[in-house]
């Protein structure tokens, strides 16, 4: 299953847990991998509390300076590529009886590092 997520800021976090859950067959047991098909966005598991989401956005923005990178001569987004090196483009989540088997406070989060854009997320 594949779905798109639109972002509206350069750096932002979107909770995609419900969209991931919708992609899982009702009788599925095992795991799913959530994969973002981009080099300037990441996917993580963390808490989706609104203040923490803003903290994550600030933390990610602070991971690499905005300017001064060689790749910027090409398209001006080296900082976004470098930030996602630490985030990663996939997570694997356990599934039990068609439900994500996340911890009480865990959510699947898309982390945008080069928005605004429309991102494609695969759930396999």
Protein backbone atom coordinates (compact mmCIF):
# COMPACT_ATOMS: atom_id res chain seq x y z
CA UNK A 1 0.00 0.00 0.00
CA UNK A 2 1.16 3.50 -0.73
CA UNK A 3 -0.13 6.90 0.35
CA UNK A 4 0.90 10.55 -0.01
CA UNK A 5 1.46 13.13 2.70
CA UNK A 6 1.51 16.84 1.94
CA UNK A 7 3.65 19.11 4.08
CA UNK A 8 3.43 22.86 4.37
CA UNK A 9 6.70 23.90 6.01
CA UNK A 10 10.42 23.40 5.40
CA UNK A 11 10.74 21.26 8.53
CA UNK A 12 7.66 19.64 10.05
CA UNK A 13 6.40 16.42 11.57
CA UNK A 14 3.20 14.63 10.55
CA UNK A 15 1.62 11.77 12.48
CA UNK A 16 0.87 9.07 9.88
CA UNK A 17 -0.07 6.29 12.30
CA UNK A 18 -3.71 6.12 11.19
CA UNK A 19 -2.75 6.04 7.51
CA UNK A 20 -0.28 3.21 8.19
CA UNK A 21 -2.93 1.30 10.15
CA UNK A 22 -5.41 1.65 7.26
CA UNK A 23 -2.87 -0.01 4.97
CA UNK A 24 -2.65 -3.21 7.04
CA UNK A 25 -4.92 -6.17 6.20
CA UNK A 26 -7.24 -7.13 9.08
CA UNK A 27 -5.74 -10.60 9.50
CA UNK A 28 -2.06 -9.57 9.33
CA UNK A 29 0.39 -10.80 11.97
CA UNK A 30 4.11 -10.14 11.86
CA UNK A 31 5.63 -6.81 10.90
CA UNK A 32 5.21 -3.95 8.47
CA UNK A 33 7.89 -1.69 7.15
CA UNK A 34 7.02 1.95 6.67
CA UNK A 35 9.30 3.49 4.05
CA UNK A 36 9.42 7.09 2.83
CA UNK A 37 10.55 7.26 -0.80
CA UNK A 38 12.68 10.39 -0.49
CA UNK A 39 16.19 11.42 0.56
CA UNK A 40 15.10 14.60 2.34
CA UNK A 41 12.34 13.17 4.55
CA UNK A 42 12.48 10.54 7.25
CA UNK A 43 10.19 8.29 9.25
CA UNK A 44 10.51 7.58 12.97
CA UNK A 45 8.56 6.14 15.88
CA UNK A 46 7.99 8.54 18.76
CA UNK A 47 5.28 10.29 20.75
CA UNK A 48 2.86 12.52 18.83
CA UNK A 49 2.24 15.01 21.64
CA UNK A 50 1.93 18.45 19.96
CA UNK A 51 4.64 20.18 22.02
CA UNK A 52 7.03 17.30 21.42
CA UNK A 53 6.32 17.46 17.68
CA UNK A 54 7.41 21.11 17.72
CA UNK A 55 10.49 20.12 19.74
CA UNK A 56 11.32 17.43 17.15
CA UNK A 57 10.99 20.02 14.37
CA UNK A 58 13.40 22.35 16.18
CA UNK A 59 15.79 19.51 17.00
CA UNK A 60 15.87 18.37 13.37
CA UNK A 61 16.37 21.93 12.11
CA UNK A 62 19.32 22.28 14.49
CA UNK A 63 21.04 19.06 13.37
CA UNK A 64 22.85 20.71 10.45
CA UNK A 65 23.41 24.37 9.58
CA UNK A 66 21.26 25.62 6.70
CA UNK A 67 24.17 26.87 4.62
CA UNK A 68 27.79 26.22 3.76
CA UNK A 69 27.56 22.79 2.14
CA UNK A 70 28.98 21.84 -1.27
CA UNK A 71 25.74 20.22 -2.39
CA UNK A 72 24.04 23.61 -1.96
CA UNK A 73 25.70 24.71 -5.20
CA UNK A 74 23.41 22.22 -6.95
CA UNK A 75 20.03 22.72 -5.28
CA UNK A 76 20.39 24.37 -1.88
CA UNK A 77 19.15 21.52 0.30
CA UNK A 78 22.25 19.74 1.58
CA UNK A 79 21.11 20.37 5.15
CA UNK A 80 17.94 18.35 4.48
CA UNK A 81 19.90 15.39 3.13
CA UNK A 82 22.26 15.47 6.12
CA UNK A 83 19.43 15.64 8.64
CA UNK A 84 17.72 12.57 7.22
CA UNK A 85 20.95 10.59 7.48
CA UNK A 86 20.28 10.54 11.22
CA UNK A 87 16.52 9.96 10.95
CA UNK A 88 16.41 7.17 8.36
CA UNK A 89 13.86 6.43 5.67
CA UNK A 90 12.13 3.44 7.28
CA UNK A 91 10.87 1.84 10.45
CA UNK A 92 9.63 -1.68 11.08
CA UNK A 93 6.62 -2.07 13.36
CA UNK A 94 5.10 -5.25 14.82
CA UNK A 95 1.53 -6.11 13.78
CA UNK A 96 -0.91 -8.29 15.71
CA UNK A 97 -4.36 -9.17 14.35
CA UNK A 98 -4.16 -6.37 11.78
CA UNK A 99 -3.27 -3.70 14.36
CA UNK A 100 0.00 -1.86 14.86
CA UNK A 101 1.50 -3.26 18.06
CA UNK A 102 3.00 0.02 19.21
CA UNK A 103 3.68 1.05 22.78
CA UNK A 104 1.16 3.25 24.58
CA UNK A 105 2.72 6.57 23.53
CA UNK A 106 4.27 5.50 20.22
CA UNK A 107 3.19 6.82 16.82
CA UNK A 108 4.63 6.62 13.33
CA UNK A 109 5.86 10.07 12.30
CA UNK A 110 6.89 11.44 8.93
CA UNK A 111 9.62 14.06 9.36
CA UNK A 112 9.83 16.59 6.54
CA UNK A 113 13.23 18.23 6.10
CA UNK A 114 12.82 19.97 2.72
CA UNK A 115 9.23 21.10 2.39
CA UNK A 116 6.73 22.03 1.49
CA UNK A 117 6.32 18.89 -0.61
CA UNK A 118 4.13 15.88 -1.21
CA UNK A 119 5.80 12.75 0.11
CA UNK A 120 5.10 9.13 -0.82
CA UNK A 121 5.04 6.53 1.94
CA UNK A 122 5.04 2.77 1.34
CA UNK A 123 3.69 0.25 3.84
CA UNK A 124 4.84 -3.29 3.08
